[in-house]
C-alpha cells in the first residue's frame, strides 16, 4: 500500500475509533436517557429499548477501542459499518413515518440532530468504516 493510503487509513481508523469510544462511553454513563432515545424510534418493545441501551454502547466502545489500538481492525470496521448501515435504515424509517426525533447518537438531551443530518453523518462514517475495512490489517 502506498504511503498516502496507509496514513489515510490510520487517520480514519483512529478517528472513527475515537468517535465510537466517545459515543459509547456517553451512552454508558446515561443508560436511561439512551433507552428513551431508542424508544423514540418506536421499533422495539419497552424492555427491548433497555436491552439495546445496555448492549449497544458496549459494542461501540469495544469496536472503538479495537480501531484505536489497531487490533482486529477489519472485524471492528466491519461491525461499525454494519451498525451505521442499520442506523441509516432506522433514521430513514423515522423520516418515512413522519417522526421528528433526535437521533440519540451522542449526548442524550443535548441539541437535537435532525434525521437528515444524522443520515448524512452516518453515511460518512459508513464510507470511512468500509475504507478502513478494505485497506486495514486483519
C-alpha atoms as a PDB file:
ATOM      1  CA  UNK A   1       0.000   0.000   0.000  1.00  0.00           C
ATOM      2  CA  UNK A   2       1.323   3.414  -0.882  1.00  0.00           C
ATOM      3  CA  UNK A   3       2.202   5.781   1.999  1.00  0.00           C
ATOM      4  CA  UNK A   4      -0.723   8.156   1.416  1.00  0.00           C
ATOM      5  CA  UNK A   5      -3.319   5.366   1.653  1.00  0.00           C
ATOM      6  CA  UNK A   6      -1.513   3.887   4.632  1.00  0.00           C
ATOM      7  CA  UNK A   7      -1.620   7.193   6.533  1.00  0.00           C
ATOM      8  CA  UNK A   8      -5.190   7.966   5.453  1.00  0.00           C
ATOM      9  CA  UNK A   9      -6.272   4.538   6.656  1.00  0.00           C
ATOM     10  CA  UNK A  10      -4.562   5.119  10.009  1.00  0.00           C
ATOM     11  CA  UNK A  11      -6.158   8.556  10.445  1.00  0.00           C
ATOM     12  CA  UNK A  12      -9.625   7.241   9.547  1.00  0.00           C
ATOM     13  CA  UNK A  13      -9.170   4.165  11.753  1.00  0.00           C
ATOM     14  CA  UNK A  14      -8.123   6.145  14.827  1.00  0.00           C
ATOM     15  CA  UNK A  15     -10.657   8.927  14.215  1.00  0.00           C
ATOM     16  CA  UNK A  16     -13.536   6.508  13.751  1.00  0.00           C
ATOM     17  CA  UNK A  17     -12.377   4.516  16.761  1.00  0.00           C
ATOM     18  CA  UNK A  18     -12.178   7.609  18.980  1.00  0.00           C
ATOM     19  CA  UNK A  19     -15.616   8.700  17.803  1.00  0.00           C
ATOM     20  CA  UNK A  20     -17.187   5.350  18.676  1.00  0.00           C
ATOM     21  CA  UNK A  21     -15.376   5.238  22.007  1.00  0.00           C
ATOM     22  CA  UNK A  22     -16.789   8.665  22.857  1.00  0.00           C
ATOM     23  CA  UNK A  23     -20.307   7.824  21.657  1.00  0.00           C
ATOM     24  CA  UNK A  24     -20.357   4.551  23.564  1.00  0.00           C
ATOM     25  CA  UNK A  25     -18.998   5.996  26.804  1.00  0.00           C
ATOM     26  CA  UNK A  26     -21.509   8.832  26.993  1.00  0.00           C
ATOM     27  CA  UNK A  27     -24.332   6.337  26.394  1.00  0.00           C
ATOM     28  CA  UNK A  28     -22.974   4.016  29.083  1.00  0.00           C
ATOM     29  CA  UNK A  29     -22.992   6.933  31.530  1.00  0.00           C
ATOM     30  CA  UNK A  30     -26.667   7.740  30.786  1.00  0.00           C
ATOM     31  CA  UNK A  31     -28.381   4.407  30.033  1.00  0.00           C
ATOM     32  CA  UNK A  32     -31.915   5.516  30.904  1.00  0.00           C
ATOM     33  CA  UNK A  33     -31.669   8.579  28.656  1.00  0.00           C
ATOM     34  CA  UNK A  34     -30.282   6.436  25.850  1.00  0.00           C
ATOM     35  CA  UNK A  35     -33.124   3.923  26.323  1.00  0.00           C
ATOM     36  CA  UNK A  36     -35.507   6.868  25.921  1.00  0.00           C
ATOM     37  CA  UNK A  37     -33.794   7.859  22.680  1.00  0.00           C
ATOM     38  CA  UNK A  38     -34.154   4.296  21.406  1.00  0.00           C
ATOM     39  CA  UNK A  39     -37.839   4.258  22.444  1.00  0.00           C
ATOM     40  CA  UNK A  40     -38.433   7.360  20.307  1.00  0.00           C
ATOM     41  CA  UNK A  41     -37.769   5.260  17.195  1.00  0.00           C
ATOM     42  CA  UNK A  42     -40.869   3.176  18.062  1.00  0.00           C
ATOM     43  CA  UNK A  43     -39.455  -0.114  16.762  1.00  0.00           C
ATOM     44  CA  UNK A  44     -38.782  -2.135  19.931  1.00  0.00           C
ATOM     45  CA  UNK A  45     -40.984  -3.202  22.820  1.00  0.00           C
ATOM     46  CA  UNK A  46     -40.448  -1.443  26.158  1.00  0.00           C
ATOM     47  CA  UNK A  47     -37.947  -3.975  27.543  1.00  0.00           C
ATOM     48  CA  UNK A  48     -36.132  -4.109  24.210  1.00  0.00           C
ATOM     49  CA  UNK A  49     -35.283  -0.420  24.487  1.00  0.00           C
ATOM     50  CA  UNK A  50     -33.477  -1.020  27.779  1.00  0.00           C
ATOM     51  CA  UNK A  51     -31.779  -4.154  26.486  1.00  0.00           C
ATOM     52  CA  UNK A  52     -30.483  -2.307  23.426  1.00  0.00           C
ATOM     53  CA  UNK A  53     -29.387   0.621  25.639  1.00  0.00           C
ATOM     54  CA  UNK A  54     -27.451  -1.808  27.819  1.00  0.00           C
ATOM     55  CA  UNK A  55     -25.705  -3.645  24.965  1.00  0.00           C
ATOM     56  CA  UNK A  56     -25.181  -1.240  22.053  1.00  0.00           C
ATOM     57  CA  UNK A  57     -22.872   1.239  23.841  1.00  0.00           C
ATOM     58  CA  UNK A  58     -20.548  -1.563  24.900  1.00  0.00           C
ATOM     59  CA  UNK A  59     -20.320  -2.779  21.298  1.00  0.00           C
ATOM     60  CA  UNK A  60     -19.461   0.776  20.265  1.00  0.00           C
ATOM     61  CA  UNK A  61     -16.775   1.053  22.962  1.00  0.00           C
ATOM     62  CA  UNK A  62     -15.224  -2.310  22.072  1.00  0.00           C
ATOM     63  CA  UNK A  63     -15.181  -1.503  18.353  1.00  0.00           C
ATOM     64  CA  UNK A  64     -13.762   1.945  19.086  1.00  0.00           C
ATOM     65  CA  UNK A  65     -11.006   0.511  21.252  1.00  0.00           C
ATOM     66  CA  UNK A  66     -10.124  -2.079  18.625  1.00  0.00           C
ATOM     67  CA  UNK A  67      -9.934   0.572  15.919  1.00  0.00           C
ATOM     68  CA  UNK A  68      -7.819   2.935  18.031  1.00  0.00           C
ATOM     69  CA  UNK A  69      -5.365   0.193  19.005  1.00  0.00           C
ATOM     70  CA  UNK A  70      -5.254  -1.321  15.533  1.00  0.00           C
ATOM     71  CA  UNK A  71      -6.072  -4.816  16.793  1.00  0.00           C
ATOM     72  CA  UNK A  72      -8.708  -6.761  14.833  1.00  0.00           C
ATOM     73  CA  UNK A  73      -9.168  -3.695  12.683  1.00  0.00           C
ATOM     74  CA  UNK A  74     -11.112  -5.330   9.882  1.00  0.00           C
ATOM     75  CA  UNK A  75     -13.530  -7.043  12.266  1.00  0.00           C
ATOM     76  CA  UNK A  76     -14.169  -3.812  14.158  1.00  0.00           C
ATOM     77  CA  UNK A  77     -14.544  -1.811  10.931  1.00  0.00           C
ATOM     78  CA  UNK A  78     -16.999  -4.377   9.561  1.00  0.00           C
ATOM     79  CA  UNK A  79     -19.105  -4.178  12.717  1.00  0.00           C
ATOM     80  CA  UNK A  80     -19.006  -0.366  12.683  1.00  0.00           C
ATOM     81  CA  UNK A  81     -20.079  -0.400   9.017  1.00  0.00           C
ATOM     82  CA  UNK A  82     -22.974  -2.762   9.783  1.00  0.00           C
ATOM     83  CA  UNK A  83     -24.073  -0.658  12.749  1.00  0.00           C
ATOM     84  CA  UNK A  84     -24.023   2.510  10.648  1.00  0.00           C
ATOM     85  CA  UNK A  85     -25.975   0.841   7.845  1.00  0.00           C
ATOM     86  CA  UNK A  86     -28.564  -0.211  10.434  1.00  0.00           C
ATOM     87  CA  UNK A  87     -28.624   3.298  11.956  1.00  0.00           C
ATOM     88  CA  UNK A  88     -29.189   4.795   8.486  1.00  0.00           C
ATOM     89  CA  UNK A  89     -32.114   2.439   7.836  1.00  0.00           C
ATOM     90  CA  UNK A  90     -33.642   3.329  11.210  1.00  0.00           C
ATOM     91  CA  UNK A  91     -33.230   7.033  10.503  1.00  0.00           C
ATOM     92  CA  UNK A  92     -34.878   6.700   7.086  1.00  0.00           C
ATOM     93  CA  UNK A  93     -37.750   4.872   8.801  1.00  0.00           C
ATOM     94  CA  UNK A  94     -38.300   7.855  11.103  1.00  0.00           C
ATOM     95  CA  UNK A  95     -38.463  10.180   8.101  1.00  0.00           C
ATOM     96  CA  UNK A  96     -40.885   7.844   6.299  1.00  0.00           C
ATOM     97  CA  UNK A  97     -43.116   7.627   9.390  1.00  0.00           C
ATOM     98  CA  UNK A  98     -43.026  11.386   9.967  1.00  0.00           C
ATOM     99  CA  UNK A  99     -41.279  11.142  13.341  1.00  0.00           C
ATOM    100  CA  UNK A 100     -39.387  14.240  14.399  1.00  0.00           C
ATOM    101  CA  UNK A 101     -36.919  12.828  16.929  1.00  0.00           C
ATOM    102  CA  UNK A 102     -33.330  13.303  17.979  1.00  0.00           C
ATOM    103  CA  UNK A 103     -31.134  10.500  16.661  1.00  0.00           C
ATOM    104  CA  UNK A 104     -29.688   9.708  20.121  1.00  0.00           C
ATOM    105  CA  UNK A 105     -26.267   9.250  18.561  1.00  0.00           C
ATOM    106  CA  UNK A 106     -24.279  11.332  21.000  1.00  0.00           C
ATOM    107  CA  UNK A 107     -25.165  13.405  24.040  1.00  0.00           C
ATOM    108  CA  UNK A 108     -28.589  12.488  25.322  1.00  0.00           C
ATOM    109  CA  UNK A 109     -30.788  15.516  25.936  1.00  0.00           C
ATOM    110  CA  UNK A 110     -28.443  17.859  24.086  1.00  0.00           C
ATOM    111  CA  UNK A 111     -29.144  19.843  20.958  1.00  0.00           C
ATOM    112  CA  UNK A 112     -31.429  17.967  18.589  1.00  0.00           C
ATOM    113  CA  UNK A 113     -29.873  16.443  15.476  1.00  0.00           C
ATOM    114  CA  UNK A 114     -32.264  16.135  12.536  1.00  0.00           C
ATOM    115  CA  UNK A 115     -32.679  12.768  10.854  1.00  0.00           C
ATOM    116  CA  UNK A 116     -31.243  14.102   7.588  1.00  0.00           C
ATOM    117  CA  UNK A 117     -28.142  15.431   9.351  1.00  0.00           C
ATOM    118  CA  UNK A 118     -27.666  12.108  11.133  1.00  0.00           C
ATOM    119  CA  UNK A 119     -28.173  10.175   7.870  1.00  0.00           C
ATOM    120  CA  UNK A 120     -25.507  12.266   6.159  1.00  0.00           C
ATOM    121  CA  UNK A 121     -23.107  11.904   9.097  1.00  0.00           C
ATOM    122  CA  UNK A 122     -23.703   8.147   9.425  1.00  0.00           C
ATOM    123  CA  UNK A 123     -23.164   7.736   5.681  1.00  0.00           C
ATOM    124  CA  UNK A 124     -19.746   9.384   6.080  1.00  0.00           C
ATOM    125  CA  UNK A 125     -18.979   7.036   8.986  1.00  0.00           C
ATOM    126  CA  UNK A 126     -20.094   4.083   6.852  1.00  0.00           C
ATOM    127  CA  UNK A 127     -17.801   5.133   3.997  1.00  0.00           C
ATOM    128  CA  UNK A 128     -14.893   5.552   6.434  1.00  0.00           C
ATOM    129  CA  UNK A 129     -15.547   2.149   8.005  1.00  0.00           C
ATOM    130  CA  UNK A 130     -15.680   0.437   4.606  1.00  0.00           C
ATOM    131  CA  UNK A 131     -12.431   2.165   3.598  1.00  0.00           C
ATOM    132  CA  UNK A 132     -10.729   1.026   6.816  1.00  0.00           C
ATOM    133  CA  UNK A 133     -12.105  -2.493   6.321  1.00  0.00           C
ATOM    134  CA  UNK A 134     -10.801  -2.720   2.744  1.00  0.00           C
ATOM    135  CA  UNK A 135      -7.372  -1.224   3.494  1.00  0.00           C
ATOM    136  CA  UNK A 136      -6.922  -2.344   7.094  1.00  0.00           C
ATOM    137  CA  UNK A 137      -4.987  -5.224   8.575  1.00  0.00           C
ATOM    138  CA  UNK A 138      -6.579  -8.367   9.864  1.00  0.00           C
END
